[in-house]
Protein backbone atom coordinates (compact mmCIF):
# COMPACT_ATOMS: atom_id res chain seq x y z
CA SER A 1 22.14 -71.89 27.68
CA ASP A 2 19.27 -72.43 25.22
CA ALA A 3 21.57 -71.53 22.34
CA THR A 4 24.37 -73.87 23.44
CA ASP A 5 21.85 -76.67 24.00
CA ARG A 6 20.54 -76.17 20.47
CA TRP A 7 24.13 -76.13 19.13
CA LEU A 8 24.82 -79.46 20.81
CA ARG A 9 21.61 -81.01 19.48
CA SER A 10 22.60 -79.95 15.94
CA GLN A 11 25.81 -82.01 16.03
CA ARG A 12 26.28 -85.53 14.67
CA TRP A 13 28.96 -87.06 16.86
CA LYS A 14 31.64 -89.19 15.22
CA SER A 15 32.65 -90.56 18.61
CA LYS A 16 31.84 -90.34 22.31
CA GLU A 17 35.07 -88.41 22.83
CA THR A 18 34.02 -85.76 20.27
CA GLU A 19 30.68 -85.37 22.02
CA THR A 20 32.46 -84.90 25.36
CA ILE A 21 34.72 -82.20 23.91
CA TYR A 22 31.73 -80.24 22.51
CA ARG A 23 29.82 -80.56 25.79
CA CYS A 24 32.83 -79.34 27.76
CA ALA A 25 33.15 -76.33 25.44
CA ALA A 26 29.45 -75.52 25.86
CA SER A 27 29.74 -75.85 29.63
CA ARG A 28 32.70 -73.46 29.70
CA ILE A 29 30.78 -70.90 27.61
CA ASN A 30 27.74 -71.15 29.89
CA THR A 31 29.85 -70.86 33.05
CA TRP A 32 31.54 -67.72 31.73
CA ALA A 33 28.20 -66.18 30.71
CA ALA A 34 26.67 -66.88 34.13
CA ASP A 35 29.73 -65.50 35.92
CA THR A 36 29.65 -62.40 33.73
CA GLY A 37 25.93 -61.90 34.22
CA VAL A 38 24.99 -62.37 30.57
CA ASP A 39 21.62 -64.03 29.96
CA ASN A 40 20.93 -63.14 26.34
CA LEU A 41 23.13 -64.09 23.40
CA PRO A 42 22.87 -60.69 21.60
CA ASP A 43 24.32 -58.98 24.70
CA ILE A 44 27.72 -60.61 24.09
CA THR A 45 30.18 -58.24 22.42
CA ALA A 46 33.54 -58.73 20.74
CA ASP A 47 35.14 -56.69 23.53
CA MET A 48 33.73 -59.04 26.19
CA LEU A 49 35.08 -62.11 24.38
CA ASP A 50 38.48 -60.50 23.87
CA GLU A 51 38.65 -59.61 27.56
CA TRP A 52 37.67 -63.18 28.50
CA ARG A 53 40.36 -64.67 26.29
CA GLY A 54 42.93 -62.54 28.07
CA LEU A 55 42.10 -64.35 31.33
CA TRP A 56 42.91 -67.84 30.02
CA SER A 57 46.02 -69.39 31.54
CA PRO A 58 47.05 -72.64 33.26
CA SER A 59 47.12 -70.84 36.62
CA ALA A 60 44.02 -68.62 36.23
CA GLU A 61 42.17 -67.68 39.40
CA LYS A 62 38.87 -69.17 38.21
CA LYS A 63 38.78 -72.83 37.30
CA TYR A 64 36.90 -72.39 34.02
CA ASN A 65 39.68 -70.06 32.80
CA ARG A 66 42.50 -72.53 33.56
CA ILE A 67 43.53 -73.53 30.06
CA GLY A 68 46.98 -74.45 28.73
CA LEU A 69 48.30 -72.81 25.55
CA THR A 70 47.49 -75.75 23.27
CA SER A 71 44.03 -76.15 24.81
CA GLN A 72 43.41 -72.40 24.46
CA SER A 73 43.85 -72.68 20.71
CA ALA A 74 41.49 -75.67 20.56
CA PHE A 75 38.80 -74.05 22.73
CA LEU A 76 38.96 -70.82 20.73
CA GLY A 77 38.08 -72.91 17.68
CA TYR A 78 34.98 -74.35 19.37
CA LEU A 79 33.99 -70.90 20.64
CA LYS A 80 34.09 -69.56 17.08
CA ARG A 81 32.11 -72.55 15.81
CA PHE A 82 29.38 -71.87 18.33
CA PHE A 83 28.99 -68.23 17.31
CA ARG A 84 29.12 -69.09 13.59
CA TYR A 85 26.29 -71.53 14.23
CA ALA A 86 24.30 -68.85 16.08
CA VAL A 87 24.66 -66.47 13.14
CA ARG A 88 23.79 -69.17 10.61
CA ILE A 89 20.44 -69.97 12.27
CA GLU A 90 19.81 -66.24 12.84
CA LEU A 91 20.07 -66.17 16.63
CA LEU A 92 22.61 -63.38 16.06
CA ALA A 93 22.92 -60.76 13.35
CA ARG A 94 26.68 -60.44 13.77
CA ASN A 95 29.40 -62.80 14.99
CA PRO A 96 31.16 -61.26 18.06
CA ALA A 97 33.96 -63.88 17.87
CA GLN A 98 34.81 -63.15 14.25
CA GLU A 99 37.66 -60.74 14.98
CA LEU A 100 39.36 -62.89 17.64
CA THR A 101 42.79 -63.64 16.20
CA PRO A 102 44.14 -67.21 16.33
CA ILE A 103 46.36 -68.14 19.25
CA SER A 104 49.85 -68.47 17.80
CA LYS A 105 51.88 -71.62 18.17
CA SER A 106 55.32 -71.39 19.72
CA LYS A 107 58.08 -70.57 17.22
CA ARG A 108 60.83 -72.03 19.40
CA ARG A 109 63.02 -74.72 17.88
CA THR A 110 61.96 -78.21 18.85
CA GLN A 111 63.78 -79.46 21.95
CA VAL A 112 64.39 -83.17 22.29
CA PHE A 113 65.89 -85.46 24.92
CA THR A 114 69.06 -87.43 24.56
CA PRO A 115 68.85 -90.93 26.13
CA PRO A 116 70.80 -89.77 29.24
CA GLN A 117 68.49 -86.76 29.64
CA PHE A 118 65.43 -88.99 29.48
CA GLN A 119 66.89 -91.21 32.21
CA GLN A 120 67.59 -88.03 34.19
CA LEU A 121 63.92 -87.14 33.82
CA LEU A 122 62.79 -90.52 35.15
CA ALA A 123 65.25 -90.30 38.05
CA ALA A 124 63.80 -86.93 39.08
CA ILE A 125 60.31 -88.36 39.64
CA PRO A 126 60.89 -89.95 43.09
CA ARG A 127 62.78 -86.87 44.31
CA TYR A 128 59.88 -84.68 43.29
CA THR A 129 57.07 -86.86 44.63
CA ALA A 130 58.84 -87.39 47.96
CA ALA A 131 59.00 -83.62 48.48
CA LYS A 132 55.34 -82.95 47.63
CA ARG A 133 51.93 -83.63 49.11
CA GLY A 134 48.60 -84.78 47.73
CA MET A 135 48.42 -86.04 44.16
CA ASP A 136 52.04 -85.25 43.37
CA HIS A 137 53.25 -87.19 46.41
CA GLU A 138 51.21 -90.30 45.60
CA PHE A 139 51.58 -90.59 41.84
CA ALA A 140 55.24 -91.50 41.20
CA ALA A 141 54.23 -94.66 39.30
CA GLU A 142 51.74 -92.66 37.23
CA PHE A 143 54.30 -90.01 36.26
CA ARG A 144 56.75 -92.73 35.20
CA ALA A 145 54.12 -94.54 33.13
CA LEU A 146 53.02 -91.26 31.50
CA PHE A 147 56.55 -90.23 30.49
CA LEU A 148 57.42 -93.67 29.11
CA LEU A 149 54.14 -93.87 27.21
CA GLN A 150 54.55 -90.47 25.58
CA ARG A 151 58.25 -91.03 24.80
CA TRP A 152 57.64 -94.32 22.97
CA SER A 153 54.28 -93.59 21.36
CA GLY A 154 54.59 -89.92 20.42
CA MET A 155 51.01 -89.32 21.55
CA ARG A 156 49.84 -85.97 22.85
CA LEU A 157 49.45 -85.52 26.60
CA LEU A 158 45.65 -85.72 26.60
CA ASP A 159 45.65 -88.91 24.50
CA CYS A 160 48.07 -90.52 26.95
CA LEU A 161 45.97 -89.53 29.96
CA MET A 162 42.82 -90.89 28.28
CA LEU A 163 44.34 -94.18 27.09
CA PRO A 164 41.76 -96.87 27.92
CA ARG A 165 42.91 -100.23 29.23
CA LYS A 166 41.21 -101.95 26.31
CA GLY A 167 43.43 -99.87 24.00
CA LEU A 168 46.50 -101.88 25.00
CA THR A 169 46.82 -105.55 24.11
CA GLY A 170 50.23 -107.01 24.87
CA ASN A 171 52.70 -104.55 23.37
CA ASN A 172 50.24 -103.26 20.77
CA MET A 173 48.30 -100.05 21.38
CA ILE A 174 45.36 -98.99 19.19
CA PRO A 175 43.50 -95.97 20.64
CA THR A 176 42.10 -93.00 18.71
CA THR A 177 43.28 -89.43 19.16
CA LYS A 178 40.96 -86.89 20.75
CA LYS A 179 42.08 -84.00 18.53
CA THR A 180 41.38 -85.57 15.12
CA GLY A 181 39.85 -88.99 15.82
CA ALA A 182 42.78 -90.63 14.00
CA LEU A 183 43.70 -94.22 14.82
CA VAL A 184 47.01 -94.76 16.62
CA ASP A 185 48.66 -98.10 15.85
CA CYS A 186 51.81 -98.36 17.93
CA THR A 187 54.01 -101.09 19.42
CA LEU A 188 55.38 -100.14 22.84
CA PRO A 189 58.63 -101.44 24.33
CA GLU A 190 58.45 -103.70 27.36
CA GLU A 191 59.48 -100.97 29.80
CA ALA A 192 56.51 -98.79 28.86
CA VAL A 193 54.06 -101.71 28.90
CA ALA A 194 55.29 -102.82 32.33
CA ALA A 195 54.91 -99.29 33.73
CA LEU A 196 51.30 -99.12 32.52
CA GLN A 197 50.38 -102.62 33.68
CA SER A 198 51.81 -101.87 37.14
CA LEU A 199 48.98 -99.34 37.64
CA SER A 200 46.28 -101.30 39.42
CA GLN A 201 42.75 -101.19 38.06
CA ASN A 202 41.50 -100.91 41.65
CA ARG A 203 43.23 -97.65 42.56
CA GLU A 204 40.83 -95.49 44.54
CA LYS A 205 41.49 -92.22 42.72
CA PHE A 206 41.44 -93.48 39.12
CA GLN A 207 38.74 -94.64 36.74
CA PRO A 208 39.03 -98.44 36.45
CA ASP A 209 38.73 -98.46 32.64
CA TYR A 210 41.69 -96.08 32.18
CA PHE A 211 45.34 -96.13 33.15
CA LEU A 212 45.75 -92.42 34.00
CA TRP A 213 42.34 -90.71 34.05
CA GLU A 214 41.40 -89.67 37.59
CA LYS A 215 37.89 -89.87 38.95
CA GLY A 216 36.06 -86.54 39.07
CA VAL A 217 38.43 -84.79 36.64
CA SER A 218 36.71 -83.52 33.49
CA LEU A 219 38.15 -83.99 30.03
CA ASP A 220 38.36 -80.22 29.71
CA TYR A 221 40.68 -79.89 32.74
CA LEU A 222 42.59 -83.19 32.60
CA SER A 223 45.68 -82.21 30.59
CA THR A 224 45.93 -78.76 32.22
CA LYS A 225 45.99 -80.38 35.68
CA TRP A 226 48.83 -82.76 34.83
CA ALA A 227 50.80 -80.17 32.85
CA TYR A 228 50.75 -77.91 35.91
CA SER A 229 52.26 -80.68 38.07
CA VAL A 230 54.92 -81.37 35.44
CA ARG A 231 55.98 -77.71 35.44
CA LYS A 232 56.49 -77.87 39.21
CA MET A 233 58.81 -80.84 38.67
CA ASN A 234 61.41 -78.80 36.75
CA PRO A 235 63.53 -77.66 39.74
CA TYR A 236 64.12 -81.32 40.62
CA MET A 237 65.49 -82.26 37.19
CA GLY A 238 68.51 -80.03 36.63
CA LEU A 239 68.27 -80.46 32.86
CA LYS A 240 70.77 -78.65 30.61
CA ASP A 241 70.70 -78.10 26.85
CA GLN A 242 73.67 -78.60 24.51
CA GLN A 243 75.00 -75.14 25.41
CA GLY A 244 74.86 -75.95 29.12
CA LYS A 245 71.91 -73.63 29.72
CA PRO A 246 68.95 -74.67 31.93
CA MET A 247 66.32 -76.54 29.91
CA ARG A 248 62.72 -76.49 31.07
CA PHE A 249 60.72 -79.65 30.54
CA HIS A 250 57.19 -79.82 29.15
CA THR A 251 55.53 -83.05 28.09
CA HIS A 252 55.35 -82.20 24.37
CA MET A 253 59.15 -82.58 24.31
CA LEU A 254 58.58 -86.34 24.62
CA ARG A 255 56.41 -86.32 21.48
CA ASP A 256 59.13 -84.28 19.74
CA THR A 257 61.79 -86.76 20.90
CA PHE A 258 59.78 -89.65 19.45
CA ALA A 259 59.49 -87.88 16.08
CA VAL A 260 63.06 -86.62 15.82
CA GLU A 261 64.68 -89.92 16.83
CA LEU A 262 62.71 -91.66 14.08
CA LEU A 263 63.83 -89.07 11.53
CA LEU A 264 67.47 -89.38 12.59
CA ALA A 265 67.18 -93.17 12.31
CA GLY A 266 66.21 -92.76 8.67
CA VAL A 267 62.42 -93.13 8.84
CA PRO A 268 60.89 -91.06 5.99
CA LEU A 269 59.11 -87.84 6.93
CA GLU A 270 55.80 -89.09 5.48
CA ASP A 271 55.93 -92.19 7.69
CA VAL A 272 56.71 -90.12 10.79
CA SER A 273 53.73 -87.94 9.88
CA LYS A 274 51.45 -90.98 9.90
CA LEU A 275 52.80 -92.20 13.23
CA LEU A 276 52.14 -88.77 14.75
CA THR A 277 48.59 -88.82 13.27
CA HIS A 278 49.11 -85.43 11.65
CA GLU A 279 46.33 -84.48 9.26
CA SER A 280 48.85 -83.61 6.54
CA ILE A 281 52.58 -83.99 5.93
CA LYS A 282 52.82 -80.18 5.83
CA VAL A 283 52.17 -80.07 9.59
CA THR A 284 55.04 -82.51 10.14
CA GLN A 285 57.28 -80.52 7.80
CA ASP A 286 56.52 -77.28 9.68
CA TYR A 287 57.40 -78.80 13.06
CA TYR A 288 60.27 -81.11 12.18
CA GLY A 289 61.53 -80.14 8.72
CA HIS A 290 64.61 -78.45 10.15
CA TRP A 291 65.75 -81.85 11.46
CA VAL A 292 65.85 -83.36 7.95
CA PRO A 293 69.35 -81.94 7.16
CA ASP A 294 70.62 -83.50 10.42
CA ARG A 295 69.11 -86.80 9.32
CA LEU A 296 70.67 -86.57 5.85
CA ARG A 297 74.12 -85.84 7.29
CA ARG A 298 73.85 -88.90 9.52
CA LEU A 299 72.68 -91.08 6.62
CA LYS A 300 75.55 -89.80 4.47
CA ALA A 301 78.09 -90.73 7.15
CA ARG A 302 76.56 -94.19 7.49
CA SER A 303 76.64 -94.74 3.73
CA VAL A 304 80.33 -93.81 3.59
CA GLU A 305 81.12 -96.30 6.37
CA ALA A 306 79.18 -99.00 4.52
CA MET A 307 81.07 -98.33 1.27
CA LYS A 308 84.40 -98.49 3.11
CA LYS A 309 83.51 -101.98 4.27
CA MET A 310 82.88 -102.86 0.64
CA GLY A 311 86.44 -101.83 -0.21
CA ALA A 312 85.84 -98.29 -1.45
CA THR A 313 88.34 -95.55 -0.61
CA PHE A 314 87.81 -91.82 -0.28
CA GLY A 315 90.32 -89.05 -0.85
CA GLY A 316 91.79 -87.57 2.35
CA GLN A 317 90.48 -90.43 4.51
C-alpha cells in the first residue's frame, strides 16, 4: 500500500477522470495483495501475477476480479506501469509483470446492425425488463437511452455511462473520453436527446450530475456491471445475422454500427477516425478497413446512377 500510494503521488493528473482511473487500479492491486496475504512488494512473483490474471472475468467470484475483456487489457497496462515505476525508483530489483503477455483483442469480423435489427433491439428492452427483478426490471428507460446514445455517437460504453449532464447542450454533446482524454464533439438526433432528457435528475439510484452513472458504483466496475446485464438480454432479442444464424449482442456493436454506416455513406476513413477519437488512423484501419471495399462498391453504383441521369449510357445496361 505504501508503494501504490507513492505511485499515485508521483502522477500529474491531466483530468479528474484520469486520477480516478489510477486510484481504482491502485485499489484493485491493494485488494488483491491483501486477499493473497502479501504485505511486501518484493514477495510478489511473476507466477502470482499470472495466476491472478487468470481469474479475471466479468462473472468472477470475487468482485475485484470482475473485469470485462476490454477492461482487462486496460488494467493490465496500469498494473505494468505500477511495477515499472517500482523498479525505476528501486523498490524492486526485477519487474514481476514484465513477462505478462498482452491481452489479445478479438479477431472476429465487425458485426453491425441494420436499421430493422436496431429497432428489434429497442423492442426487446421492455420484454427483458418486465421479466427481471432489481436494476434490470427498473431501468428500461436507461437501457433505451444508453443504446440510442451509443448508436448515434459511437462512444464506448464507459464514456456513455459517464456522460455528464453538462456535456449535453441541446443536440450538441462535448464530453471527453476516459480512455484517451480526447474531446468528443457530436450532434445527436432528437430521438437520442429525448431519451436522455427523459431521465430525471432526481432519480434515487443515480448521481444527479450524470444521466447513467449509478450511486455507489465505482468507475472501475461501472461498465462491467452494465455489460453483464446486456448479455442477459440476448435471449429476449432473437437477433439473426445475414446467414440466419443467431447473433449475440454486445454494446460495442453499436459503436461499430456508427462507424460502418458513416463509411458506407461515403465519409472518409480519416474523418471517421476523428469521430471515434482513435489515437491514429491505423487503429481505424485495423478495425474497419475491410469495410472500405463495400463503401467503394456502393459509391461506384451511385456514381453510375448519377451519370445515367446526365445522359450517359453504359454497355449492357
